[in-house]
Amino acid sequence: MQTEQLQELAIQALHDLKAVDVVAIDVHDITTITDVMIICTGRSSRHVISLAQNVATTAKHQKVTPVRMEGEREGEWVIVDLGDVVVHVMLAATRAYYHLEDLWEPIRKQREKQQD
């Protein structure tokens, strides 16, 4: 499955269960970890876990492998690793504390300046 299709699959799975503030960040030119990071918020620990499980289940139904998940026991921050796409599902307080979007944005701007 192409990265764009995988990204759309994950975003749709998140929207299906009403994820809050879904953001996709293209990081392919600044890291080798993944191509796209998707970050979203869940309203409760149970909601965070349900969102992550829906992404994983939807991916598995489309024969995406491997699918790995971490953090589902606590439900504050669950990561779903789909390879080219990594999904971070977080409680609002956890997302505000770690500011993942703010972590990647300065790196991206620095790379753009270097390429100009």
C-alpha atoms as a PDB file:
ATOM      1  CA  MET A   1       0.000   0.000   0.000  1.00  0.00           C
ATOM      2  CA  GLN A   2       1.327   3.457  -0.919  1.00  0.00           C
ATOM      3  CA  THR A   3       2.123   5.961   1.838  1.00  0.00           C
ATOM      4  CA  GLU A   4      -0.686   8.296   0.753  1.00  0.00           C
ATOM      5  CA  GLN A   5      -3.222   5.459   0.858  1.00  0.00           C
ATOM      6  CA  LEU A   6      -1.977   4.345   4.255  1.00  0.00           C
ATOM      7  CA  GLN A   7      -2.230   7.901   5.546  1.00  0.00           C
ATOM      8  CA  GLU A   8      -5.818   8.219   4.287  1.00  0.00           C
ATOM      9  CA  LEU A   9      -6.730   4.836   5.781  1.00  0.00           C
ATOM     10  CA  ALA A  10      -5.421   5.901   9.203  1.00  0.00           C
ATOM     11  CA  ILE A  11      -7.072   9.321   9.085  1.00  0.00           C
ATOM     12  CA  GLN A  12     -10.396   7.807   8.058  1.00  0.00           C
ATOM     13  CA  ALA A  13     -10.200   5.246  10.889  1.00  0.00           C
ATOM     14  CA  LEU A  14      -9.580   8.107  13.333  1.00  0.00           C
ATOM     15  CA  HIS A  15     -12.449  10.182  11.939  1.00  0.00           C
ATOM     16  CA  ASP A  16     -14.769   7.172  12.118  1.00  0.00           C
ATOM     17  CA  LEU A  17     -14.464   7.259  15.917  1.00  0.00           C
ATOM     18  CA  LYS A  18     -14.467  11.058  16.207  1.00  0.00           C
ATOM     19  CA  ALA A  19     -10.790  11.795  16.890  1.00  0.00           C
ATOM     20  CA  VAL A  20     -10.125  15.409  17.839  1.00  0.00           C
ATOM     21  CA  ASP A  21      -7.679  17.738  16.054  1.00  0.00           C
ATOM     22  CA  VAL A  22      -6.136  15.275  13.593  1.00  0.00           C
ATOM     23  CA  VAL A  23      -2.853  16.537  12.115  1.00  0.00           C
ATOM     24  CA  ALA A  24      -0.658  14.809   9.533  1.00  0.00           C
ATOM     25  CA  ILE A  25       2.993  15.851   9.263  1.00  0.00           C
ATOM     26  CA  ASP A  26       5.147  14.846   6.298  1.00  0.00           C
ATOM     27  CA  VAL A  27       8.549  14.005   7.802  1.00  0.00           C
ATOM     28  CA  HIS A  28      10.041  11.900   4.994  1.00  0.00           C
ATOM     29  CA  ASP A  29      12.735  14.469   4.224  1.00  0.00           C
ATOM     30  CA  ILE A  30      13.853  14.964   7.846  1.00  0.00           C
ATOM     31  CA  THR A  31      13.918  11.453   9.311  1.00  0.00           C
ATOM     32  CA  THR A  32      14.259   7.822   8.288  1.00  0.00           C
ATOM     33  CA  ILE A  33      11.897   6.639  11.021  1.00  0.00           C
ATOM     34  CA  THR A  34       8.745   7.118   8.958  1.00  0.00           C
ATOM     35  CA  ASP A  35       7.303   9.205   6.135  1.00  0.00           C
ATOM     36  CA  VAL A  36       4.212  10.595   7.859  1.00  0.00           C
ATOM     37  CA  MET A  37       3.303  11.207  11.481  1.00  0.00           C
ATOM     38  CA  ILE A  38      -0.338  11.563  12.366  1.00  0.00           C
ATOM     39  CA  ILE A  39      -1.178  13.122  15.708  1.00  0.00           C
ATOM     40  CA  CYS A  40      -4.643  13.301  17.244  1.00  0.00           C
ATOM     41  CA  THR A  41      -6.408  13.667  20.558  1.00  0.00           C
ATOM     42  CA  GLY A  42      -8.863  11.373  22.296  1.00  0.00           C
ATOM     43  CA  ARG A  43     -11.397  12.586  24.869  1.00  0.00           C
ATOM     44  CA  SER A  44     -10.582   9.911  27.467  1.00  0.00           C
ATOM     45  CA  SER A  45      -8.197   7.001  28.006  1.00  0.00           C
ATOM     46  CA  ARG A  46     -10.841   4.627  26.695  1.00  0.00           C
ATOM     47  CA  HIS A  47     -11.326   6.807  23.619  1.00  0.00           C
ATOM     48  CA  VAL A  48      -7.548   6.959  22.991  1.00  0.00           C
ATOM     49  CA  ILE A  49      -7.342   3.159  23.130  1.00  0.00           C
ATOM     50  CA  SER A  50     -10.402   2.735  20.894  1.00  0.00           C
ATOM     51  CA  LEU A  51      -9.021   5.142  18.291  1.00  0.00           C
ATOM     52  CA  ALA A  52      -5.678   3.333  18.166  1.00  0.00           C
ATOM     53  CA  GLN A  53      -7.323  -0.077  17.990  1.00  0.00           C
ATOM     54  CA  ASN A  54      -9.562   1.101  15.141  1.00  0.00           C
ATOM     55  CA  VAL A  55      -6.534   2.254  13.153  1.00  0.00           C
ATOM     56  CA  ALA A  56      -4.764  -1.067  13.764  1.00  0.00           C
ATOM     57  CA  THR A  57      -7.842  -3.163  12.941  1.00  0.00           C
ATOM     58  CA  THR A  58      -8.596  -1.186   9.782  1.00  0.00           C
ATOM     59  CA  ALA A  59      -4.989  -1.555   8.633  1.00  0.00           C
ATOM     60  CA  LYS A  60      -4.976  -5.290   9.314  1.00  0.00           C
ATOM     61  CA  HIS A  61      -8.193  -5.692   7.301  1.00  0.00           C
ATOM     62  CA  GLN A  62      -6.368  -4.070   4.389  1.00  0.00           C
ATOM     63  CA  LYS A  63      -3.500  -6.557   4.822  1.00  0.00           C
ATOM     64  CA  VAL A  64      -1.067  -3.931   6.140  1.00  0.00           C
ATOM     65  CA  THR A  65       1.708  -5.632   8.075  1.00  0.00           C
ATOM     66  CA  PRO A  66       3.397  -5.287  10.388  1.00  0.00           C
ATOM     67  CA  VAL A  67       1.186  -3.256  12.663  1.00  0.00           C
ATOM     68  CA  ARG A  68       2.646  -2.543  16.095  1.00  0.00           C
ATOM     69  CA  MET A  69       1.048  -0.743  19.014  1.00  0.00           C
ATOM     70  CA  GLU A  70       2.488   0.593  22.240  1.00  0.00           C
ATOM     71  CA  GLY A  71       0.891   2.322  25.218  1.00  0.00           C
ATOM     72  CA  GLU A  72      -2.557   0.795  25.135  1.00  0.00           C
ATOM     73  CA  ARG A  73      -2.341  -0.320  28.777  1.00  0.00           C
ATOM     74  CA  GLU A  74      -2.134   3.248  30.112  1.00  0.00           C
ATOM     75  CA  GLY A  75      -4.228   4.947  27.427  1.00  0.00           C
ATOM     76  CA  GLU A  76      -2.519   8.343  27.727  1.00  0.00           C
ATOM     77  CA  TRP A  77      -0.474   8.032  24.538  1.00  0.00           C
ATOM     78  CA  VAL A  78      -0.843   5.119  22.152  1.00  0.00           C
ATOM     79  CA  ILE A  79       1.419   4.753  19.144  1.00  0.00           C
ATOM     80  CA  VAL A  80       0.328   2.739  16.128  1.00  0.00           C
ATOM     81  CA  ASP A  81       3.292   1.985  13.859  1.00  0.00           C
ATOM     82  CA  LEU A  82       2.223   1.174  10.312  1.00  0.00           C
ATOM     83  CA  GLY A  83       5.726   1.523   8.896  1.00  0.00           C
ATOM     84  CA  ASP A  84       5.516   4.476   6.528  1.00  0.00           C
ATOM     85  CA  VAL A  85       2.886   6.065   8.777  1.00  0.00           C
ATOM     86  CA  VAL A  86       3.073   6.377  12.558  1.00  0.00           C
ATOM     87  CA  VAL A  87      -0.057   7.416  14.438  1.00  0.00           C
ATOM     88  CA  HIS A  88       0.136   9.106  17.850  1.00  0.00           C
ATOM     89  CA  VAL A  89      -3.174   9.097  19.747  1.00  0.00           C
ATOM     90  CA  MET A  90      -2.982  11.154  22.921  1.00  0.00           C
ATOM     91  CA  LEU A  91      -4.995  12.616  25.742  1.00  0.00           C
ATOM     92  CA  ALA A  92      -5.243  16.414  25.488  1.00  0.00           C
ATOM     93  CA  ALA A  93      -2.981  16.996  28.516  1.00  0.00           C
ATOM     94  CA  THR A  94      -0.338  14.616  27.164  1.00  0.00           C
ATOM     95  CA  ARG A  95      -0.444  16.215  23.726  1.00  0.00           C
ATOM     96  CA  ALA A  96      -0.120  19.694  25.231  1.00  0.00           C
ATOM     97  CA  TYR A  97       2.820  18.593  27.372  1.00  0.00           C
ATOM     98  CA  TYR A  98       4.882  16.969  24.593  1.00  0.00           C
ATOM     99  CA  HIS A  99       4.012  19.350  21.707  1.00  0.00           C
ATOM    100  CA  LEU A 100       4.998  16.877  18.979  1.00  0.00           C
ATOM    101  CA  GLU A 101       3.908  19.267  16.249  1.00  0.00           C
ATOM    102  CA  ASP A 102       6.204  21.952  17.667  1.00  0.00           C
ATOM    103  CA  LEU A 103       9.053  19.457  17.881  1.00  0.00           C
ATOM    104  CA  TRP A 104       9.014  18.684  14.144  1.00  0.00           C
ATOM    105  CA  GLU A 105       8.169  22.135  12.744  1.00  0.00           C
ATOM    106  CA  PRO A 106      11.527  23.856  13.561  1.00  0.00           C
ATOM    107  CA  ILE A 107      13.418  20.901  12.078  1.00  0.00           C
ATOM    108  CA  ARG A 108      11.381  21.113   8.877  1.00  0.00           C
ATOM    109  CA  LYS A 109      11.937  24.884   8.604  1.00  0.00           C
ATOM    110  CA  GLN A 110      15.678  24.429   9.159  1.00  0.00           C
ATOM    111  CA  ARG A 111      15.846  21.822   6.384  1.00  0.00           C
ATOM    112  CA  GLU A 112      13.921  24.088   4.006  1.00  0.00           C
ATOM    113  CA  LYS A 113      16.385  26.919   4.651  1.00  0.00           C
ATOM    114  CA  GLN A 114      19.334  24.606   3.990  1.00  0.00           C
ATOM    115  CA  GLN A 115      17.833  23.454   0.700  1.00  0.00           C
ATOM    116  CA  ASP A 116      17.276  27.023  -0.569  1.00  0.00           C
END
